Amino acid sequence: MALIASLSGCASMTGIEETTTTFTLESGNKVLVYRRGCAILGGSFINTSDKNISLVNGTIVTVHKETNATLGQYMLSCSPTLAGGSSKCLVHLMMKDGDMRKYGGLSCPNMDMKIMNLVVK
């Protein structure tokens, strides 16, 4: 646990800040993914419709910007969302390439994200 705290403190001192990537769906609803450097921290679902949403599931895929090679896959699962509301999403790591050189360093400038197999009901 001390090692994790030390690494976390070290990373925060190097200027790695939290960023948000927003995916706007055809319906106008939005999926927000939060990350710090290469680490995906979680997400949110924003329901802009007048209908309740009971299910939001999908896969977040991180890819290399230039080669489009898959770097990681994460399961996305969001809580039910009332009309006009928002909910938190859990993001669970399923697979990740451990070669950090492919990411371009701690802030991951070579990494891009996509959402695949998204189900919204």
PDB file of N, CA and C in Angstrom:
ATOM      1  N   MET A   1       0.822  -1.188   0.000  1.00  0.00           N
ATOM      2  CA  MET A   1       0.000   0.000   0.000  1.00  0.00           C
ATOM      3  C   MET A   1       0.866   1.252   0.000  1.00  0.00           C
ATOM      4  N   ALA A   2       1.969   1.224   0.707  1.00  0.00           N
ATOM      5  CA  ALA A   2       2.862   2.379   0.745  1.00  0.00           C
ATOM      6  C   ALA A   2       3.446   2.657  -0.628  1.00  0.00           C
ATOM      7  N   LEU A   3       3.734   1.600  -1.367  1.00  0.00           N
ATOM      8  CA  LEU A   3       4.278   1.766  -2.710  1.00  0.00           C
ATOM      9  C   LEU A   3       3.275   2.461  -3.612  1.00  0.00           C
ATOM     10  N   ILE A   4       2.010   2.074  -3.521  1.00  0.00           N
ATOM     11  CA  ILE A   4       0.973   2.699  -4.337  1.00  0.00           C
ATOM     12  C   ILE A   4       0.859   4.179  -3.994  1.00  0.00           C
ATOM     13  N   ALA A   5       0.871   4.500  -2.713  1.00  0.00           N
ATOM     14  CA  ALA A   5       0.778   5.901  -2.295  1.00  0.00           C
ATOM     15  C   ALA A   5       1.977   6.686  -2.790  1.00  0.00           C
ATOM     16  N   SER A   6       3.162   6.091  -2.731  1.00  0.00           N
ATOM     17  CA  SER A   6       4.366   6.772  -3.196  1.00  0.00           C
ATOM     18  C   SER A   6       4.302   7.038  -4.689  1.00  0.00           C
ATOM     19  N   LEU A   7       3.884   6.034  -5.456  1.00  0.00           N
ATOM     20  CA  LEU A   7       3.784   6.213  -6.904  1.00  0.00           C
ATOM     21  C   LEU A   7       2.722   7.240  -7.251  1.00  0.00           C
ATOM     22  N   SER A   8       1.609   7.222  -6.540  1.00  0.00           N
ATOM     23  CA  SER A   8       0.545   8.184  -6.781  1.00  0.00           C
ATOM     24  C   SER A   8       1.036   9.596  -6.510  1.00  0.00           C
ATOM     25  N   GLY A   9       1.741   9.777  -5.401  1.00  0.00           N
ATOM     26  CA  GLY A   9       2.275  11.093  -5.075  1.00  0.00           C
ATOM     27  C   GLY A   9       3.283  11.554  -6.097  1.00  0.00           C
ATOM     28  N   CYS A  10       4.120  10.642  -6.550  1.00  0.00           N
ATOM     29  CA  CYS A  10       5.131  10.957  -7.556  1.00  0.00           C
ATOM     30  C   CYS A  10       4.465  11.385  -8.861  1.00  0.00           C
ATOM     31  N   ALA A  11       3.441  10.669  -9.266  1.00  0.00           N
ATOM     32  CA  ALA A  11       2.764  10.983 -10.521  1.00  0.00           C
ATOM     33  C   ALA A  11       2.074  12.343 -10.447  1.00  0.00           C
ATOM     34  N   SER A  12       1.490  12.663  -9.288  1.00  0.00           N
ATOM     35  CA  SER A  12       0.796  13.938  -9.185  1.00  0.00           C
ATOM     36  C   SER A  12       1.782  15.105  -9.213  1.00  0.00           C
ATOM     37  N   MET A  13       3.012  14.886  -8.776  1.00  0.00           N
ATOM     38  CA  MET A  13       3.999  15.955  -8.781  1.00  0.00           C
ATOM     39  C   MET A  13       4.548  16.226 -10.180  1.00  0.00           C
ATOM     40  N   THR A  14       4.409  15.271 -11.109  1.00  0.00           N
ATOM     41  CA  THR A  14       4.956  15.467 -12.443  1.00  0.00           C
ATOM     42  C   THR A  14       3.986  16.196 -13.365  1.00  0.00           C
ATOM     43  N   GLY A  15       2.862  16.640 -12.852  1.00  0.00           N
ATOM     44  CA  GLY A  15       1.942  17.424 -13.656  1.00  0.00           C
ATOM     45  C   GLY A  15       0.959  16.610 -14.479  1.00  0.00           C
ATOM     46  N   ILE A  16       0.763  15.350 -14.136  1.00  0.00           N
ATOM     47  CA  ILE A  16      -0.228  14.541 -14.848  1.00  0.00           C
ATOM     48  C   ILE A  16      -1.595  14.914 -14.300  1.00  0.00           C
ATOM     49  N   GLU A  17      -2.426  15.481 -15.137  1.00  0.00           N
ATOM     50  CA  GLU A  17      -3.716  15.945 -14.654  1.00  0.00           C
ATOM     51  C   GLU A  17      -4.834  15.041 -15.140  1.00  0.00           C
ATOM     52  N   GLU A  18      -5.960  15.159 -14.494  1.00  0.00           N
ATOM     53  CA  GLU A  18      -7.130  14.379 -14.864  1.00  0.00           C
ATOM     54  C   GLU A  18      -7.779  14.999 -16.101  1.00  0.00           C
ATOM     55  N   THR A  19      -8.154  14.148 -17.053  1.00  0.00           N
ATOM     56  CA  THR A  19      -8.824  14.616 -18.261  1.00  0.00           C
ATOM     57  C   THR A  19     -10.151  13.878 -18.428  1.00  0.00           C
ATOM     58  N   THR A  20     -11.049  14.478 -19.177  1.00  0.00           N
ATOM     59  CA  THR A  20     -12.359  13.884 -19.460  1.00  0.00           C
ATOM     60  C   THR A  20     -12.529  13.787 -20.963  1.00  0.00           C
ATOM     61  N   THR A  21     -12.919  12.603 -21.425  1.00  0.00           N
ATOM     62  CA  THR A  21     -13.253  12.396 -22.825  1.00  0.00           C
ATOM     63  C   THR A  21     -14.757  12.205 -22.903  1.00  0.00           C
ATOM     64  N   THR A  22     -15.427  12.969 -23.763  1.00  0.00           N
ATOM     65  CA  THR A  22     -16.878  12.903 -23.902  1.00  0.00           C
ATOM     66  C   THR A  22     -17.250  12.252 -25.220  1.00  0.00           C
ATOM     67  N   PHE A  23     -18.108  11.247 -25.129  1.00  0.00           N
ATOM     68  CA  PHE A  23     -18.655  10.577 -26.309  1.00  0.00           C
ATOM     69  C   PHE A  23     -20.133  10.949 -26.384  1.00  0.00           C
ATOM     70  N   THR A  24     -20.539  11.671 -27.440  1.00  0.00           N
ATOM     71  CA  THR A  24     -21.930  12.040 -27.630  1.00  0.00           C
ATOM     72  C   THR A  24     -22.581  11.010 -28.553  1.00  0.00           C
ATOM     73  N   LEU A  25     -23.648  10.395 -28.080  1.00  0.00           N
ATOM     74  CA  LEU A  25     -24.340   9.361 -28.834  1.00  0.00           C
ATOM     75  C   LEU A  25     -25.333   9.986 -29.802  1.00  0.00           C
ATOM     76  N   GLU A  26     -25.811   9.217 -30.767  1.00  0.00           N
ATOM     77  CA  GLU A  26     -26.779   9.719 -31.753  1.00  0.00           C
ATOM     78  C   GLU A  26     -28.033  10.265 -31.081  1.00  0.00           C
ATOM     79  N   SER A  27     -28.408   9.690 -29.955  1.00  0.00           N
ATOM     80  CA  SER A  27     -29.610  10.108 -29.219  1.00  0.00           C
ATOM     81  C   SER A  27     -29.410  11.438 -28.492  1.00  0.00           C
ATOM     82  N   GLY A  28     -28.166  11.911 -28.404  1.00  0.00           N
ATOM     83  CA  GLY A  28     -27.858  13.118 -27.653  1.00  0.00           C
ATOM     84  C   GLY A  28     -27.342  12.809 -26.257  1.00  0.00           C
ATOM     85  N   ASN A  29     -27.540  11.578 -25.786  1.00  0.00           N
ATOM     86  CA  ASN A  29     -26.991  11.162 -24.493  1.00  0.00           C
ATOM     87  C   ASN A  29     -25.467  11.176 -24.571  1.00  0.00           C
ATOM     88  N   LYS A  30     -24.827  11.218 -23.409  1.00  0.00           N
ATOM     89  CA  LYS A  30     -23.362  11.312 -23.391  1.00  0.00           C
ATOM     90  C   LYS A  30     -22.760  10.306 -22.424  1.00  0.00           C
ATOM     91  N   VAL A  31     -21.596   9.779 -22.796  1.00  0.00           N
ATOM     92  CA  VAL A  31     -20.773   8.961 -21.918  1.00  0.00           C
ATOM     93  C   VAL A  31     -19.487   9.752 -21.696  1.00  0.00           C
ATOM     94  N   LEU A  32     -19.157   9.991 -20.429  1.00  0.00           N
ATOM     95  CA  LEU A  32     -17.923  10.693 -20.069  1.00  0.00           C
ATOM     96  C   LEU A  32     -16.969   9.681 -19.446  1.00  0.00           C
ATOM     97  N   VAL A  33     -15.707   9.708 -19.878  1.00  0.00           N
ATOM     98  CA  VAL A  33     -14.685   8.813 -19.339  1.00  0.00           C
ATOM     99  C   VAL A  33     -13.593   9.680 -18.724  1.00  0.00           C
ATOM    100  N   TYR A  34     -13.282   9.399 -17.448  1.00  0.00           N
ATOM    101  CA  TYR A  34     -12.274  10.162 -16.708  1.00  0.00           C
ATOM    102  C   TYR A  34     -10.986   9.359 -16.633  1.00  0.00           C
ATOM    103  N   ARG A  35      -9.860  10.039 -16.870  1.00  0.00           N
ATOM    104  CA  ARG A  35      -8.571   9.358 -16.745  1.00  0.00           C
ATOM    105  C   ARG A  35      -7.519  10.321 -16.220  1.00  0.00           C
ATOM    106  N   ARG A  36      -6.502   9.741 -15.610  1.00  0.00           N
ATOM    107  CA  ARG A  36      -5.318  10.487 -15.177  1.00  0.00           C
ATOM    108  C   ARG A  36      -4.141   9.782 -15.825  1.00  0.00           C
ATOM    109  N   GLY A  37      -3.502  10.464 -16.771  1.00  0.00           N
ATOM    110  CA  GLY A  37      -2.434   9.827 -17.531  1.00  0.00           C
ATOM    111  C   GLY A  37      -2.989   8.648 -18.303  1.00  0.00           C
ATOM    112  N   CYS A  38      -2.414   7.470 -18.109  1.00  0.00           N
ATOM    113  CA  CYS A  38      -2.866   6.261 -18.792  1.00  0.00           C
ATOM    114  C   CYS A  38      -3.993   5.564 -18.055  1.00  0.00           C
ATOM    115  N   ALA A  39      -4.252   5.926 -16.813  1.00  0.00           N
ATOM    116  CA  ALA A  39      -5.217   5.211 -15.978  1.00  0.00           C
ATOM    117  C   ALA A  39      -6.635   5.736 -16.194  1.00  0.00           C
ATOM    118  N   ILE A  40      -7.538   4.839 -16.571  1.00  0.00           N
ATOM    119  CA  ILE A  40      -8.948   5.198 -16.665  1.00  0.00           C
ATOM    120  C   ILE A  40      -9.533   5.061 -15.272  1.00  0.00           C
ATOM    121  N   LEU A  41     -10.105   6.156 -14.762  1.00  0.00           N
ATOM    122  CA  LEU A  41     -10.565   6.215 -13.378  1.00  0.00           C
ATOM    123  C   LEU A  41     -12.032   5.834 -13.222  1.00  0.00           C
ATOM    124  N   GLY A  42     -12.842   6.082 -14.232  1.00  0.00           N
ATOM    125  CA  GLY A  42     -14.278   5.820 -14.147  1.00  0.00           C
ATOM    126  C   GLY A  42     -15.005   6.588 -15.218  1.00  0.00           C
ATOM    127  N   GLY A  43     -16.322   6.728 -15.032  1.00  0.00           N
ATOM    128  CA  GLY A  43     -17.098   7.433 -16.035  1.00  0.00           C
ATOM    129  C   GLY A  43     -18.446   7.871 -15.506  1.00  0.00           C
ATOM    130  N   SER A  44     -19.208   8.533 -16.378  1.00  0.00           N
ATOM    131  CA  SER A  44     -20.567   8.984 -16.087  1.00  0.00           C
ATOM    132  C   SER A  44     -21.403   8.842 -17.339  1.00  0.00           C
ATOM    133  N   PHE A  45     -22.710   8.692 -17.141  1.00  0.00           N
ATOM    134  CA  PHE A  45     -23.660   8.673 -18.251  1.00  0.00           C
ATOM    135  C   PHE A  45     -24.630   9.822 -18.038  1.00  0.00           C
ATOM    136  N   ILE A  46     -24.834  10.638 -19.059  1.00  0.00           N
ATOM    137  CA  ILE A  46     -25.773  11.760 -18.980  1.00  0.00           C
ATOM    138  C   ILE A  46     -26.933  11.461 -19.914  1.00  0.00           C
ATOM    139  N   ASN A  47     -28.124  11.364 -19.331  1.00  0.00           N
ATOM    140  CA  ASN A  47     -29.340  11.058 -20.086  1.00  0.00           C
ATOM    141  C   ASN A  47     -30.036  12.366 -20.446  1.00  0.00           C
ATOM    142  N   THR A  48     -29.971  12.745 -21.709  1.00  0.00           N
ATOM    143  CA  THR A  48     -30.595  13.994 -22.152  1.00  0.00           C
ATOM    144  C   THR A  48     -32.022  13.771 -22.664  1.00  0.00           C
ATOM    145  N   SER A  49     -32.479  12.521 -22.663  1.00  0.00           N
ATOM    146  CA  SER A  49     -33.814  12.215 -23.200  1.00  0.00           C
ATOM    147  C   SER A  49     -34.886  12.353 -22.121  1.00  0.00           C
ATOM    148  N   ASP A  50     -36.137  12.196 -22.531  1.00  0.00           N
ATOM    149  CA  ASP A  50     -37.261  12.259 -21.590  1.00  0.00           C
ATOM    150  C   ASP A  50     -37.696  10.859 -21.146  1.00  0.00           C
ATOM    151  N   LYS A  51     -36.846   9.850 -21.364  1.00  0.00           N
ATOM    152  CA  LYS A  51     -37.146   8.476 -20.975  1.00  0.00           C
ATOM    153  C   LYS A  51     -36.075   7.984 -19.999  1.00  0.00           C
ATOM    154  N   ASN A  52     -36.492   7.157 -19.050  1.00  0.00           N
ATOM    155  CA  ASN A  52     -35.543   6.545 -18.126  1.00  0.00           C
ATOM    156  C   ASN A  52     -34.698   5.514 -18.861  1.00  0.00           C
ATOM    157  N   ILE A  53     -33.443   5.380 -18.476  1.00  0.00           N
ATOM    158  CA  ILE A  53     -32.530   4.404 -19.066  1.00  0.00           C
ATOM    159  C   ILE A  53     -32.212   3.379 -17.969  1.00  0.00           C
ATOM    160  N   SER A  54     -32.453   2.095 -18.277  1.00  0.00           N
ATOM    161  CA  SER A  54     -32.217   1.066 -17.264  1.00  0.00           C
ATOM    162  C   SER A  54     -30.903   0.327 -17.461  1.00  0.00           C
ATOM    163  N   LEU A  55     -30.307   0.430 -18.642  1.00  0.00           N
ATOM    164  CA  LEU A  55     -29.100  -0.347 -18.917  1.00  0.00           C
ATOM    165  C   LEU A  55     -28.154   0.434 -19.822  1.00  0.00           C
ATOM    166  N   VAL A  56     -26.904   0.567 -19.395  1.00  0.00           N
ATOM    167  CA  VAL A  56     -25.835   1.127 -20.225  1.00  0.00           C
ATOM    168  C   VAL A  56     -24.615   0.237 -20.010  1.00  0.00           C
ATOM    169  N   ASN A  57     -24.225  -0.496 -21.049  1.00  0.00           N
ATOM    170  CA  ASN A  57     -23.060  -1.382 -20.997  1.00  0.00           C
ATOM    171  C   ASN A  57     -22.283  -1.257 -22.292  1.00  0.00           C
ATOM    172  N   GLY A  58     -20.987  -1.448 -22.231  1.00  0.00           N
ATOM    173  CA  GLY A  58     -20.176  -1.419 -23.443  1.00  0.00           C
ATOM    174  C   GLY A  58     -18.723  -1.704 -23.126  1.00  0.00           C
ATOM    175  N   THR A  59     -17.879  -1.500 -24.120  1.00  0.00           N
ATOM    176  CA  THR A  59     -16.444  -1.729 -23.983  1.00  0.00           C
ATOM    177  C   THR A  59     -15.703  -0.466 -24.391  1.00  0.00           C
ATOM    178  N   ILE A  60     -14.808  -0.010 -23.529  1.00  0.00           N
ATOM    179  CA  ILE A  60     -13.900   1.081 -23.877  1.00  0.00           C
ATOM    180  C   ILE A  60     -12.625   0.435 -24.385  1.00  0.00           C
ATOM    181  N   VAL A  61     -12.188   0.843 -25.559  1.00  0.00           N
ATOM    182  CA  VAL A  61     -10.949   0.322 -26.128  1.00  0.00           C
ATOM    183  C   VAL A  61      -9.972   1.481 -26.252  1.00  0.00           C
ATOM    184  N   THR A  62      -8.783   1.310 -25.670  1.00  0.00           N
ATOM    185  CA  THR A  62      -7.726   2.311 -25.846  1.00  0.00           C
ATOM    186  C   THR A  62      -6.834   1.828 -26.982  1.00  0.00           C
ATOM    187  N   VAL A  63      -6.512   2.761 -27.879  1.00  0.00           N
ATOM    188  CA  VAL A  63      -5.730   2.411 -29.066  1.00  0.00           C
ATOM    189  C   VAL A  63      -4.570   3.388 -29.243  1.00  0.00           C
ATOM    190  N   HIS A  64      -3.546   2.946 -29.949  1.00  0.00           N
ATOM    191  CA  HIS A  64      -2.420   3.802 -30.321  1.00  0.00           C
ATOM    192  C   HIS A  64      -2.900   4.731 -31.428  1.00  0.00           C
ATOM    193  N   LYS A  65      -2.696   6.038 -31.283  1.00  0.00           N
ATOM    194  CA  LYS A  65      -3.208   7.024 -32.239  1.00  0.00           C
ATOM    195  C   LYS A  65      -2.719   6.813 -33.661  1.00  0.00           C
ATOM    196  N   GLU A  66      -1.471   6.436 -33.832  1.00  0.00           N
ATOM    197  CA  GLU A  66      -0.906   6.314 -35.180  1.00  0.00           C
ATOM    198  C   GLU A  66      -1.172   4.959 -35.829  1.00  0.00           C
ATOM    199  N   THR A  67      -1.052   3.884 -35.050  1.00  0.00           N
ATOM    200  CA  THR A  67      -1.174   2.541 -35.633  1.00  0.00           C
ATOM    201  C   THR A  67      -2.550   1.924 -35.441  1.00  0.00           C
ATOM    202  N   ASN A  68      -3.367   2.503 -34.564  1.00  0.00           N
ATOM    203  CA  ASN A  68      -4.694   1.994 -34.220  1.00  0.00           C
ATOM    204  C   ASN A  68      -4.622   0.625 -33.529  1.00  0.00           C
ATOM    205  N   ALA A  69      -3.440   0.237 -33.045  1.00  0.00           N
ATOM    206  CA  ALA A  69      -3.280  -1.032 -32.325  1.00  0.00           C
ATOM    207  C   ALA A  69      -3.938  -0.920 -30.956  1.00  0.00           C
ATOM    208  N   THR A  70      -4.606  -1.973 -30.538  1.00  0.00           N
ATOM    209  CA  THR A  70      -5.281  -1.986 -29.242  1.00  0.00           C
ATOM    210  C   THR A  70      -4.259  -2.009 -28.113  1.00  0.00           C
ATOM    211  N   LEU A  71      -4.420  -1.081 -27.169  1.00  0.00           N
ATOM    212  CA  LEU A  71      -3.556  -1.017 -25.994  1.00  0.00           C
ATOM    213  C   LEU A  71      -4.256  -1.579 -24.762  1.00  0.00           C
ATOM    214  N   GLY A  72      -5.572  -1.437 -24.694  1.00  0.00           N
ATOM    215  CA  GLY A  72      -6.311  -1.925 -23.537  1.00  0.00           C
ATOM    216  C   GLY A  72      -7.790  -2.035 -23.824  1.00  0.00           C
ATOM    217  N   GLN A  73      -8.472  -2.854 -23.023  1.00  0.00           N
ATOM    218  CA  GLN A  73      -9.926  -2.994 -23.110  1.00  0.00           C
ATOM    219  C   GLN A  73     -10.500  -2.936 -21.707  1.00  0.00           C
ATOM    220  N   TYR A  74     -11.596  -2.194 -21.562  1.00  0.00           N
ATOM    221  CA  TYR A  74     -12.246  -1.995 -20.278  1.00  0.00           C
ATOM    222  C   TYR A  74     -13.745  -2.231 -20.430  1.00  0.00           C
ATOM    223  N   MET A  75     -14.351  -2.890 -19.449  1.00  0.00           N
ATOM    224  CA  MET A  75     -15.794  -3.062 -19.429  1.00  0.00           C
ATOM    225  C   MET A  75     -16.416  -1.813 -18.798  1.00  0.00           C
ATOM    226  N   LEU A  76     -17.446  -1.257 -19.453  1.00  0.00           N
ATOM    227  CA  LEU A  76     -18.157  -0.080 -18.969  1.00  0.00           C
ATOM    228  C   LEU A  76     -19.556  -0.499 -18.549  1.00  0.00           C
ATOM    229  N   SER A  77     -19.958  -0.153 -17.340  1.00  0.00           N
ATOM    230  CA  SER A  77     -21.289  -0.483 -16.842  1.00  0.00           C
ATOM    231  C   SER A  77     -21.797   0.693 -16.010  1.00  0.00           C
ATOM    232  N   CYS A  78     -22.946   1.249 -16.428  1.00  0.00           N
ATOM    233  CA  CYS A  78     -23.476   2.437 -15.757  1.00  0.00           C
ATOM    234  C   CYS A  78     -24.775   2.116 -15.024  1.00  0.00           C
ATOM    235  N   SER A  79     -25.029   2.834 -13.957  1.00  0.00           N
ATOM    236  CA  SER A  79     -26.244   2.678 -13.171  1.00  0.00           C
ATOM    237  C   SER A  79     -27.453   3.150 -13.980  1.00  0.00           C
ATOM    238  N   PRO A  80     -28.660   2.649 -13.649  1.00  0.00           N
ATOM    239  CA  PRO A  80     -29.874   3.165 -14.295  1.00  0.00           C
ATOM    240  C   PRO A  80     -29.960   4.683 -14.124  1.00  0.00           C
ATOM    241  N   THR A  81     -30.515   5.346 -15.128  1.00  0.00           N
ATOM    242  CA  THR A  81     -30.516   6.812 -15.143  1.00  0.00           C
ATOM    243  C   THR A  81     -31.912   7.338 -15.440  1.00  0.00           C
ATOM    244  N   LEU A  82     -32.413   8.218 -14.598  1.00  0.00           N
ATOM    245  CA  LEU A  82     -33.711   8.838 -14.822  1.00  0.00           C
ATOM    246  C   LEU A  82     -33.635   9.817 -15.984  1.00  0.00           C
ATOM    247  N   ALA A  83     -34.789  10.102 -16.589  1.00  0.00           N
ATOM    248  CA  ALA A  83     -34.867  11.071 -17.679  1.00  0.00           C
ATOM    249  C   ALA A  83     -34.268  12.397 -17.228  1.00  0.00           C
ATOM    250  N   GLY A  84     -33.356  12.938 -18.034  1.00  0.00           N
ATOM    251  CA  GLY A  84     -32.712  14.211 -17.714  1.00  0.00           C
ATOM    252  C   GLY A  84     -31.669  14.134 -16.622  1.00  0.00           C
ATOM    253  N   GLY A  85     -31.347  12.931 -16.165  1.00  0.00           N
ATOM    254  CA  GLY A  85     -30.399  12.775 -15.060  1.00  0.00           C
ATOM    255  C   GLY A  85     -29.043  12.251 -15.506  1.00  0.00           C
ATOM    256  N   SER A  86     -28.232  11.898 -14.525  1.00  0.00           N
ATOM    257  CA  SER A  86     -26.923  11.330 -14.820  1.00  0.00           C
ATOM    258  C   SER A  86     -26.627  10.232 -13.801  1.00  0.00           C
ATOM    259  N   SER A  87     -25.696   9.357 -14.136  1.00  0.00           N
ATOM    260  CA  SER A  87     -25.311   8.278 -13.232  1.00  0.00           C
ATOM    261  C   SER A  87     -23.820   8.012 -13.367  1.00  0.00           C
ATOM    262  N   LYS A  88     -23.283   7.342 -12.367  1.00  0.00           N
ATOM    263  CA  LYS A  88     -21.873   6.945 -12.377  1.00  0.00           C
ATOM    264  C   LYS A  88     -21.711   5.642 -13.137  1.00  0.00           C
ATOM    265  N   CYS A  89     -20.536   5.465 -13.711  1.00  0.00           N
ATOM    266  CA  CYS A  89     -20.220   4.245 -14.448  1.00  0.00           C
ATOM    267  C   CYS A  89     -18.990   3.589 -13.833  1.00  0.00           C
ATOM    268  N   LEU A  90     -19.040   2.278 -13.747  1.00  0.00           N
ATOM    269  CA  LEU A  90     -17.875   1.511 -13.335  1.00  0.00           C
ATOM    270  C   LEU A  90     -17.086   1.142 -14.576  1.00  0.00           C
ATOM    271  N   VAL A  91     -15.771   1.191 -14.466  1.00  0.00           N
ATOM    272  CA  VAL A  91     -14.889   0.809 -15.560  1.00  0.00           C
ATOM    273  C   VAL A  91     -13.941  -0.254 -15.021  1.00  0.00           C
ATOM    274  N   HIS A  92     -13.989  -1.433 -15.625  1.00  0.00           N
ATOM    275  CA  HIS A  92     -13.198  -2.566 -15.147  1.00  0.00           C
ATOM    276  C   HIS A  92     -12.199  -2.983 -16.220  1.00  0.00           C
ATOM    277  N   LEU A  93     -10.920  -3.010 -15.869  1.00  0.00           N
ATOM    278  CA  LEU A  93      -9.865  -3.409 -16.802  1.00  0.00           C
ATOM    279  C   LEU A  93     -10.001  -4.885 -17.155  1.00  0.00           C
ATOM    280  N   MET A  94     -10.067  -5.190 -18.454  1.00  0.00           N
ATOM    281  CA  MET A  94     -10.122  -6.576 -18.917  1.00  0.00           C
ATOM    282  C   MET A  94      -8.795  -7.021 -19.514  1.00  0.00           C
ATOM    283  N   MET A  95      -8.076  -6.096 -20.228  1.00  0.00           N
ATOM    284  CA  MET A  95      -6.823  -6.439 -20.892  1.00  0.00           C
ATOM    285  C   MET A  95      -6.039  -5.160 -21.107  1.00  0.00           C
ATOM    286  N   LYS A  96      -4.710  -5.237 -20.913  1.00  0.00           N
ATOM    287  CA  LYS A  96      -3.878  -4.056 -21.137  1.00  0.00           C
ATOM    288  C   LYS A  96      -2.490  -4.484 -21.584  1.00  0.00           C
ATOM    289  N   ASP A  97      -1.937  -3.788 -22.571  1.00  0.00           N
ATOM    290  CA  ASP A  97      -0.572  -4.010 -23.027  1.00  0.00           C
ATOM    291  C   ASP A  97       0.356  -3.348 -22.014  1.00  0.00           C
ATOM    292  N   GLY A  98       1.299  -4.083 -21.475  1.00  0.00           N
ATOM    293  CA  GLY A  98       2.167  -3.568 -20.432  1.00  0.00           C
ATOM    294  C   GLY A  98       3.355  -2.750 -20.918  1.00  0.00           C
ATOM    295  N   ASP A  99       3.554  -2.614 -22.223  1.00  0.00           N
ATOM    296  CA  ASP A  99       4.706  -1.887 -22.755  1.00  0.00           C
ATOM    297  C   ASP A  99       4.400  -0.392 -22.774  1.00  0.00           C
ATOM    298  N   MET A 100       4.845   0.327 -21.741  1.00  0.00           N
ATOM    299  CA  MET A 100       4.516   1.748 -21.607  1.00  0.00           C
ATOM    300  C   MET A 100       5.108   2.619 -22.717  1.00  0.00           C
ATOM    301  N   ARG A 101       6.125   2.129 -23.418  1.00  0.00           N
ATOM    302  CA  ARG A 101       6.691   2.920 -24.523  1.00  0.00           C
ATOM    303  C   ARG A 101       5.639   3.154 -25.613  1.00  0.00           C
ATOM    304  N   LYS A 102       4.705   2.221 -25.784  1.00  0.00           N
ATOM    305  CA  LYS A 102       3.661   2.370 -26.798  1.00  0.00           C
ATOM    306  C   LYS A 102       2.698   3.505 -26.478  1.00  0.00           C
ATOM    307  N   TYR A 103       2.602   3.842 -25.180  1.00  0.00           N
ATOM    308  CA  TYR A 103       1.690   4.900 -24.754  1.00  0.00           C
ATOM    309  C   TYR A 103       2.299   6.289 -24.899  1.00  0.00           C
ATOM    310  N   GLY A 104       3.610   6.371 -25.030  1.00  0.00           N
ATOM    311  CA  GLY A 104       4.280   7.657 -25.182  1.00  0.00           C
ATOM    312  C   GLY A 104       4.676   8.309 -23.883  1.00  0.00           C
ATOM    313  N   GLY A 105       4.648   7.590 -22.772  1.00  0.00           N
ATOM    314  CA  GLY A 105       5.028   8.145 -21.480  1.00  0.00           C
ATOM    315  C   GLY A 105       3.862   8.171 -20.517  1.00  0.00           C
ATOM    316  N   LEU A 106       4.097   8.749 -19.327  1.00  0.00           N
ATOM    317  CA  LEU A 106       3.100   8.729 -18.258  1.00  0.00           C
ATOM    318  C   LEU A 106       1.805   9.456 -18.591  1.00  0.00           C
ATOM    319  N   SER A 107       1.852  10.494 -19.406  1.00  0.00           N
ATOM    320  CA  SER A 107       0.630  11.231 -19.725  1.00  0.00           C
ATOM    321  C   SER A 107      -0.120  10.625 -20.913  1.00  0.00           C
ATOM    322  N   CYS A 108       0.438   9.596 -21.528  1.00  0.00           N
ATOM    323  CA  CYS A 108      -0.194   8.830 -22.620  1.00  0.00           C
ATOM    324  C   CYS A 108      -0.614   9.672 -23.823  1.00  0.00           C
ATOM    325  N   PRO A 109       0.296  10.485 -24.384  1.00  0.00           N
ATOM    326  CA  PRO A 109      -0.101  11.290 -25.538  1.00  0.00           C
ATOM    327  C   PRO A 109      -0.413  10.449 -26.775  1.00  0.00           C
ATOM    328  N   ASN A 110       0.068   9.206 -26.842  1.00  0.00           N
ATOM    329  CA  ASN A 110      -0.181   8.349 -28.009  1.00  0.00           C
ATOM    330  C   ASN A 110      -1.460   7.525 -27.885  1.00  0.00           C
ATOM    331  N   MET A 111      -2.228   7.733 -26.808  1.00  0.00           N
ATOM    332  CA  MET A 111      -3.412   6.915 -26.555  1.00  0.00           C
ATOM    333  C   MET A 111      -4.683   7.644 -26.945  1.00  0.00           C
ATOM    334  N   ASP A 112      -5.571   6.926 -27.614  1.00  0.00           N
ATOM    335  CA  ASP A 112      -6.891   7.423 -27.959  1.00  0.00           C
ATOM    336  C   ASP A 112      -7.911   6.418 -27.441  1.00  0.00           C
ATOM    337  N   MET A 113      -9.171   6.815 -27.311  1.00  0.00           N
ATOM    338  CA  MET A 113     -10.213   5.924 -26.796  1.00  0.00           C
ATOM    339  C   MET A 113     -11.376   5.812 -27.770  1.00  0.00           C
ATOM    340  N   LYS A 114     -12.004   4.625 -27.760  1.00  0.00           N
ATOM    341  CA  LYS A 114     -13.221   4.368 -28.529  1.00  0.00           C
ATOM    342  C   LYS A 114     -14.185   3.611 -27.628  1.00  0.00           C
ATOM    343  N   ILE A 115     -15.477   3.728 -27.903  1.00  0.00           N
ATOM    344  CA  ILE A 115     -16.470   2.902 -27.217  1.00  0.00           C
ATOM    345  C   ILE A 115     -17.058   1.959 -28.253  1.00  0.00           C
ATOM    346  N   MET A 116     -17.095   0.666 -27.896  1.00  0.00           N
ATOM    347  CA  MET A 116     -17.610  -0.347 -28.807  1.00  0.00           C
ATOM    348  C   MET A 116     -18.711  -1.142 -28.115  1.00  0.00           C
ATOM    349  N   ASN A 117     -19.580  -1.753 -28.907  1.00  0.00           N
ATOM    350  CA  ASN A 117     -20.647  -2.623 -28.402  1.00  0.00           C
ATOM    351  C   ASN A 117     -21.478  -1.960 -27.311  1.00  0.00           C
ATOM    352  N   LEU A 118     -21.767  -0.678 -27.474  1.00  0.00           N
ATOM    353  CA  LEU A 118     -22.511   0.057 -26.462  1.00  0.00           C
ATOM    354  C   LEU A 118     -23.999  -0.291 -26.560  1.00  0.00           C
ATOM    355  N   VAL A 119     -24.579  -0.678 -25.428  1.00  0.00           N
ATOM    356  CA  VAL A 119     -26.010  -0.984 -25.333  1.00  0.00           C
ATOM    357  C   VAL A 119     -26.621   0.019 -24.383  1.00  0.00           C
ATOM    358  N   VAL A 120     -27.650   0.734 -24.864  1.00  0.00           N
ATOM    359  CA  VAL A 120     -28.386   1.695 -24.032  1.00  0.00           C
ATOM    360  C   VAL A 120     -29.859   1.346 -24.175  1.00  0.00           C
ATOM    361  N   LYS A 121     -30.471   0.940 -23.068  1.00  0.00           N
ATOM    362  CA  LYS A 121     -31.902   0.567 -23.087  1.00  0.00           C
ATOM    363  C   LYS A 121     -32.646   1.259 -21.971  1.00  0.00           C
TER     364      LYS A 121
END
